[in-house]
Amino acid sequence: MATERTTASGRDVPTALTRYRVMANVVGVLLIALIFVAVPLKHLGGIDGPVAVLGTAHGWLYGLFFLSAVDLALRARWTLKGTVLTLVAGTVPVLSFFAERTATRKTRAGVRV
């Protein structure tokens, strides 16, 4: 594996990036399952359980995603605009995957998001 560049005085940016990537993918998958599976089950089939479970899980895990993204943003010295856009991307189905790839590419290159 190639050595990842660190920014912001080398303060554990690769570790923070890994935490962020895991949480972005988990939150993205849960949001897709919630929107495209659980919500139709609730409205078309009258089944409330999946929305309650996936909605709660997504809410709590989004909190962890938020913290991991802010941690990475501070360590890698992201711009405020880049940080806010990345955080908002976690609330839009499929967009979180695009935002994660962009943030990963830029952070590894030492470019501010």
N, C-alpha and C. Protein backbone atom coordinates (compact mmCIF):
# COMPACT_ATOMS: atom_id res chain seq x y z
N MET A 1 0.85 -1.17 0.00
CA MET A 1 0.00 0.00 0.00
C MET A 1 0.89 1.23 0.00
N ALA A 2 0.52 2.22 -0.75
CA ALA A 2 1.30 3.46 -0.84
C ALA A 2 1.20 4.23 0.47
N THR A 3 2.23 4.94 0.79
CA THR A 3 2.23 5.76 1.99
C THR A 3 1.32 6.96 1.77
N GLU A 4 0.44 7.19 2.72
CA GLU A 4 -0.49 8.31 2.61
C GLU A 4 0.17 9.58 3.14
N ARG A 5 -0.02 10.68 2.43
CA ARG A 5 0.50 11.96 2.89
C ARG A 5 -0.34 12.44 4.05
N THR A 6 0.31 13.07 4.98
CA THR A 6 -0.42 13.67 6.08
C THR A 6 -0.26 15.16 6.00
N THR A 7 -1.30 15.86 6.41
CA THR A 7 -1.24 17.31 6.46
C THR A 7 -1.43 17.72 7.91
N ALA A 8 -1.42 18.98 8.14
CA ALA A 8 -1.65 19.52 9.48
C ALA A 8 -0.64 18.94 10.48
N SER A 9 0.61 19.04 10.14
CA SER A 9 1.70 18.63 11.02
C SER A 9 1.71 17.13 11.32
N GLY A 10 1.15 16.31 10.43
CA GLY A 10 1.19 14.86 10.59
C GLY A 10 0.42 14.33 11.78
N ARG A 11 -0.66 14.99 12.19
CA ARG A 11 -1.39 14.60 13.39
C ARG A 11 -2.44 13.53 13.09
N ASP A 12 -2.02 12.33 12.81
CA ASP A 12 -2.92 11.19 12.65
C ASP A 12 -3.99 11.39 11.59
N VAL A 13 -3.69 12.07 10.52
CA VAL A 13 -4.67 12.27 9.45
C VAL A 13 -5.08 10.94 8.82
N PRO A 14 -4.16 10.01 8.53
CA PRO A 14 -4.59 8.74 7.93
C PRO A 14 -5.56 7.96 8.81
N THR A 15 -5.34 7.96 10.12
CA THR A 15 -6.24 7.26 11.03
C THR A 15 -7.61 7.93 11.05
N ALA A 16 -7.63 9.25 11.10
CA ALA A 16 -8.90 9.99 11.08
C ALA A 16 -9.61 9.78 9.75
N LEU A 17 -8.86 9.69 8.67
CA LEU A 17 -9.45 9.46 7.36
C LEU A 17 -10.10 8.08 7.30
N THR A 18 -9.46 7.08 7.86
CA THR A 18 -10.05 5.74 7.89
C THR A 18 -11.34 5.72 8.68
N ARG A 19 -11.36 6.37 9.84
CA ARG A 19 -12.59 6.45 10.65
C ARG A 19 -13.70 7.12 9.86
N TYR A 20 -13.36 8.22 9.21
CA TYR A 20 -14.35 8.95 8.41
C TYR A 20 -14.89 8.08 7.28
N ARG A 21 -14.00 7.39 6.56
CA ARG A 21 -14.43 6.57 5.43
C ARG A 21 -15.38 5.45 5.88
N VAL A 22 -15.06 4.80 6.98
CA VAL A 22 -15.93 3.73 7.49
C VAL A 22 -17.30 4.29 7.84
N MET A 23 -17.32 5.39 8.57
CA MET A 23 -18.61 5.96 8.98
C MET A 23 -19.39 6.49 7.78
N ALA A 24 -18.72 7.08 6.80
CA ALA A 24 -19.43 7.58 5.62
C ALA A 24 -20.10 6.44 4.87
N ASN A 25 -19.42 5.32 4.74
CA ASN A 25 -20.00 4.19 4.03
C ASN A 25 -21.13 3.53 4.82
N VAL A 26 -20.97 3.39 6.12
CA VAL A 26 -22.02 2.80 6.95
C VAL A 26 -23.28 3.68 6.91
N VAL A 27 -23.10 4.98 7.11
CA VAL A 27 -24.24 5.90 7.09
C VAL A 27 -24.88 5.93 5.71
N GLY A 28 -24.08 5.88 4.65
CA GLY A 28 -24.62 5.88 3.29
C GLY A 28 -25.47 4.65 3.01
N VAL A 29 -24.98 3.48 3.41
CA VAL A 29 -25.74 2.24 3.19
C VAL A 29 -27.03 2.25 4.00
N LEU A 30 -26.96 2.67 5.24
CA LEU A 30 -28.17 2.73 6.07
C LEU A 30 -29.19 3.72 5.51
N LEU A 31 -28.73 4.85 5.01
CA LEU A 31 -29.65 5.83 4.45
C LEU A 31 -30.34 5.28 3.20
N ILE A 32 -29.59 4.59 2.36
CA ILE A 32 -30.19 3.99 1.17
C ILE A 32 -31.22 2.94 1.56
N ALA A 33 -30.88 2.09 2.54
CA ALA A 33 -31.84 1.08 3.00
C ALA A 33 -33.08 1.73 3.60
N LEU A 34 -32.88 2.80 4.33
CA LEU A 34 -34.01 3.50 4.95
C LEU A 34 -34.93 4.10 3.89
N ILE A 35 -34.36 4.83 2.95
CA ILE A 35 -35.16 5.56 1.96
C ILE A 35 -35.77 4.62 0.91
N PHE A 36 -35.00 3.66 0.42
CA PHE A 36 -35.46 2.84 -0.70
C PHE A 36 -36.10 1.51 -0.30
N VAL A 37 -35.98 1.11 0.97
CA VAL A 37 -36.59 -0.14 1.41
C VAL A 37 -37.61 0.11 2.52
N ALA A 38 -37.14 0.71 3.62
CA ALA A 38 -37.99 0.84 4.79
C ALA A 38 -39.16 1.80 4.59
N VAL A 39 -38.91 2.94 3.98
CA VAL A 39 -40.00 3.92 3.78
C VAL A 39 -41.07 3.37 2.83
N PRO A 40 -40.71 2.74 1.69
CA PRO A 40 -41.76 2.13 0.88
C PRO A 40 -42.53 1.02 1.61
N LEU A 41 -41.84 0.23 2.43
CA LEU A 41 -42.54 -0.79 3.21
C LEU A 41 -43.56 -0.16 4.15
N LYS A 42 -43.18 0.95 4.74
CA LYS A 42 -44.10 1.63 5.65
C LYS A 42 -45.31 2.19 4.91
N HIS A 43 -45.07 2.89 3.81
CA HIS A 43 -46.17 3.58 3.13
C HIS A 43 -46.98 2.68 2.21
N LEU A 44 -46.37 1.66 1.64
CA LEU A 44 -47.09 0.79 0.73
C LEU A 44 -47.59 -0.48 1.41
N GLY A 45 -46.87 -0.92 2.44
CA GLY A 45 -47.25 -2.16 3.10
C GLY A 45 -47.74 -2.01 4.53
N GLY A 46 -47.64 -0.80 5.07
CA GLY A 46 -48.08 -0.57 6.44
C GLY A 46 -47.19 -1.22 7.49
N ILE A 47 -45.95 -1.50 7.14
CA ILE A 47 -45.01 -2.14 8.06
C ILE A 47 -44.10 -1.06 8.64
N ASP A 48 -44.26 -0.76 9.93
CA ASP A 48 -43.52 0.34 10.56
C ASP A 48 -42.16 -0.05 11.13
N GLY A 49 -41.93 -1.32 11.40
CA GLY A 49 -40.71 -1.76 12.08
C GLY A 49 -39.41 -1.35 11.43
N PRO A 50 -39.24 -1.60 10.12
CA PRO A 50 -37.95 -1.26 9.50
C PRO A 50 -37.61 0.24 9.57
N VAL A 51 -38.62 1.10 9.45
CA VAL A 51 -38.35 2.54 9.54
C VAL A 51 -37.86 2.89 10.94
N ALA A 52 -38.48 2.30 11.94
CA ALA A 52 -38.07 2.59 13.32
C ALA A 52 -36.64 2.14 13.57
N VAL A 53 -36.31 0.93 13.12
CA VAL A 53 -34.98 0.39 13.38
C VAL A 53 -33.92 1.11 12.55
N LEU A 54 -34.12 1.20 11.24
CA LEU A 54 -33.12 1.83 10.38
C LEU A 54 -33.02 3.33 10.62
N GLY A 55 -34.15 3.97 10.89
CA GLY A 55 -34.14 5.40 11.17
C GLY A 55 -33.35 5.73 12.43
N THR A 56 -33.58 4.94 13.46
CA THR A 56 -32.85 5.15 14.71
C THR A 56 -31.36 4.86 14.53
N ALA A 57 -31.05 3.76 13.86
CA ALA A 57 -29.64 3.40 13.63
C ALA A 57 -28.95 4.49 12.81
N HIS A 58 -29.61 4.96 11.75
CA HIS A 58 -29.01 5.99 10.92
C HIS A 58 -28.80 7.27 11.72
N GLY A 59 -29.75 7.63 12.54
CA GLY A 59 -29.63 8.84 13.35
C GLY A 59 -28.44 8.79 14.29
N TRP A 60 -28.30 7.70 15.02
CA TRP A 60 -27.18 7.57 15.95
C TRP A 60 -25.85 7.48 15.23
N LEU A 61 -25.81 6.71 14.16
CA LEU A 61 -24.56 6.56 13.43
C LEU A 61 -24.19 7.83 12.66
N TYR A 62 -25.20 8.61 12.26
CA TYR A 62 -24.88 9.89 11.64
C TYR A 62 -24.16 10.79 12.64
N GLY A 63 -24.54 10.69 13.90
CA GLY A 63 -23.84 11.46 14.94
C GLY A 63 -22.36 11.07 15.00
N LEU A 64 -22.06 9.78 14.91
CA LEU A 64 -20.67 9.33 14.89
C LEU A 64 -19.97 9.76 13.60
N PHE A 65 -20.70 9.70 12.49
CA PHE A 65 -20.15 10.19 11.21
C PHE A 65 -19.80 11.67 11.33
N PHE A 66 -20.70 12.44 11.92
CA PHE A 66 -20.49 13.87 12.10
C PHE A 66 -19.20 14.13 12.88
N LEU A 67 -19.05 13.41 14.00
CA LEU A 67 -17.85 13.59 14.83
C LEU A 67 -16.58 13.17 14.09
N SER A 68 -16.64 12.06 13.36
CA SER A 68 -15.45 11.62 12.62
C SER A 68 -15.10 12.58 11.49
N ALA A 69 -16.10 13.15 10.83
CA ALA A 69 -15.85 14.12 9.76
C ALA A 69 -15.27 15.41 10.32
N VAL A 70 -15.79 15.88 11.43
CA VAL A 70 -15.27 17.10 12.05
C VAL A 70 -13.84 16.86 12.54
N ASP A 71 -13.59 15.71 13.13
CA ASP A 71 -12.23 15.37 13.57
C ASP A 71 -11.27 15.39 12.40
N LEU A 72 -11.64 14.76 11.29
CA LEU A 72 -10.79 14.76 10.11
C LEU A 72 -10.62 16.17 9.56
N ALA A 73 -11.70 16.92 9.52
CA ALA A 73 -11.63 18.29 8.99
C ALA A 73 -10.65 19.14 9.80
N LEU A 74 -10.66 18.99 11.10
CA LEU A 74 -9.74 19.76 11.94
C LEU A 74 -8.30 19.30 11.77
N ARG A 75 -8.10 18.00 11.72
CA ARG A 75 -6.74 17.47 11.58
C ARG A 75 -6.14 17.79 10.22
N ALA A 76 -6.96 17.71 9.15
CA ALA A 76 -6.46 17.94 7.79
C ALA A 76 -6.65 19.39 7.36
N ARG A 77 -7.18 20.20 8.24
CA ARG A 77 -7.38 21.64 7.99
C ARG A 77 -8.24 21.89 6.75
N TRP A 78 -9.41 21.22 6.72
CA TRP A 78 -10.36 21.46 5.64
C TRP A 78 -10.92 22.87 5.76
N THR A 79 -11.45 23.37 4.64
CA THR A 79 -12.13 24.67 4.67
C THR A 79 -13.49 24.49 5.33
N LEU A 80 -14.08 25.57 5.80
CA LEU A 80 -15.41 25.51 6.40
C LEU A 80 -16.44 25.04 5.37
N LYS A 81 -16.34 25.57 4.17
CA LYS A 81 -17.27 25.19 3.10
C LYS A 81 -17.17 23.69 2.80
N GLY A 82 -15.96 23.18 2.66
CA GLY A 82 -15.76 21.75 2.39
C GLY A 82 -16.28 20.88 3.51
N THR A 83 -16.07 21.33 4.74
CA THR A 83 -16.55 20.57 5.90
C THR A 83 -18.07 20.52 5.91
N VAL A 84 -18.71 21.65 5.74
CA VAL A 84 -20.18 21.70 5.77
C VAL A 84 -20.77 20.87 4.63
N LEU A 85 -20.21 21.00 3.43
CA LEU A 85 -20.73 20.22 2.29
C LEU A 85 -20.57 18.72 2.52
N THR A 86 -19.46 18.32 3.11
CA THR A 86 -19.24 16.91 3.40
C THR A 86 -20.23 16.41 4.44
N LEU A 87 -20.50 17.22 5.45
CA LEU A 87 -21.46 16.83 6.49
C LEU A 87 -22.88 16.73 5.92
N VAL A 88 -23.25 17.65 5.08
CA VAL A 88 -24.59 17.64 4.47
C VAL A 88 -24.73 16.44 3.53
N ALA A 89 -23.65 16.05 2.88
CA ALA A 89 -23.70 14.91 1.95
C ALA A 89 -24.13 13.62 2.65
N GLY A 90 -23.88 13.53 3.94
CA GLY A 90 -24.29 12.35 4.70
C GLY A 90 -25.79 12.24 4.89
N THR A 91 -26.52 13.26 4.49
CA THR A 91 -27.97 13.23 4.64
C THR A 91 -28.68 13.01 3.30
N VAL A 92 -27.92 12.88 2.22
CA VAL A 92 -28.50 12.70 0.89
C VAL A 92 -28.13 11.31 0.37
N PRO A 93 -29.12 10.47 0.05
CA PRO A 93 -28.80 9.12 -0.43
C PRO A 93 -27.87 9.17 -1.64
N VAL A 94 -26.91 8.29 -1.66
CA VAL A 94 -25.92 8.10 -2.72
C VAL A 94 -24.86 9.21 -2.75
N LEU A 95 -25.21 10.44 -2.42
CA LEU A 95 -24.25 11.54 -2.45
C LEU A 95 -23.12 11.34 -1.44
N SER A 96 -23.40 10.64 -0.35
CA SER A 96 -22.36 10.43 0.66
C SER A 96 -21.19 9.64 0.10
N PHE A 97 -21.45 8.73 -0.83
CA PHE A 97 -20.37 7.94 -1.43
C PHE A 97 -19.48 8.82 -2.31
N PHE A 98 -20.09 9.69 -3.08
CA PHE A 98 -19.34 10.63 -3.92
C PHE A 98 -18.50 11.58 -3.06
N ALA A 99 -19.11 12.10 -2.01
CA ALA A 99 -18.41 13.03 -1.12
C ALA A 99 -17.24 12.33 -0.41
N GLU A 100 -17.45 11.09 -0.02
CA GLU A 100 -16.38 10.33 0.65
C GLU A 100 -15.20 10.13 -0.28
N ARG A 101 -15.45 9.76 -1.53
CA ARG A 101 -14.36 9.55 -2.49
C ARG A 101 -13.62 10.87 -2.76
N THR A 102 -14.36 11.94 -2.91
CA THR A 102 -13.73 13.24 -3.16
C THR A 102 -12.88 13.67 -1.97
N ALA A 103 -13.44 13.55 -0.78
CA ALA A 103 -12.70 13.94 0.43
C ALA A 103 -11.46 13.06 0.61
N THR A 104 -11.58 11.78 0.35
CA THR A 104 -10.44 10.88 0.48
C THR A 104 -9.34 11.23 -0.51
N ARG A 105 -9.71 11.44 -1.76
CA ARG A 105 -8.73 11.77 -2.80
C ARG A 105 -7.99 13.06 -2.45
N LYS A 106 -8.75 14.09 -2.08
CA LYS A 106 -8.12 15.37 -1.78
C LYS A 106 -7.27 15.31 -0.51
N THR A 107 -7.76 14.64 0.52
CA THR A 107 -7.02 14.56 1.77
C THR A 107 -5.71 13.79 1.57
N ARG A 108 -5.77 12.69 0.84
CA ARG A 108 -4.53 11.92 0.58
C ARG A 108 -3.53 12.72 -0.25
N ALA A 109 -4.05 13.59 -1.10
CA ALA A 109 -3.15 14.42 -1.93
C ALA A 109 -2.63 15.63 -1.17
N GLY A 110 -3.12 15.84 0.03
CA GLY A 110 -2.68 16.99 0.82
C GLY A 110 -3.37 18.27 0.44
N VAL A 111 -4.50 18.16 -0.26
CA VAL A 111 -5.27 19.33 -0.70
C VAL A 111 -6.41 19.56 0.29
N ARG A 112 -6.68 20.80 0.61
CA ARG A 112 -7.79 21.11 1.52
C ARG A 112 -9.12 20.84 0.84
N VAL A 113 -10.01 20.21 1.56
CA VAL A 113 -11.35 19.90 1.03
C VAL A 113 -12.21 21.14 1.16
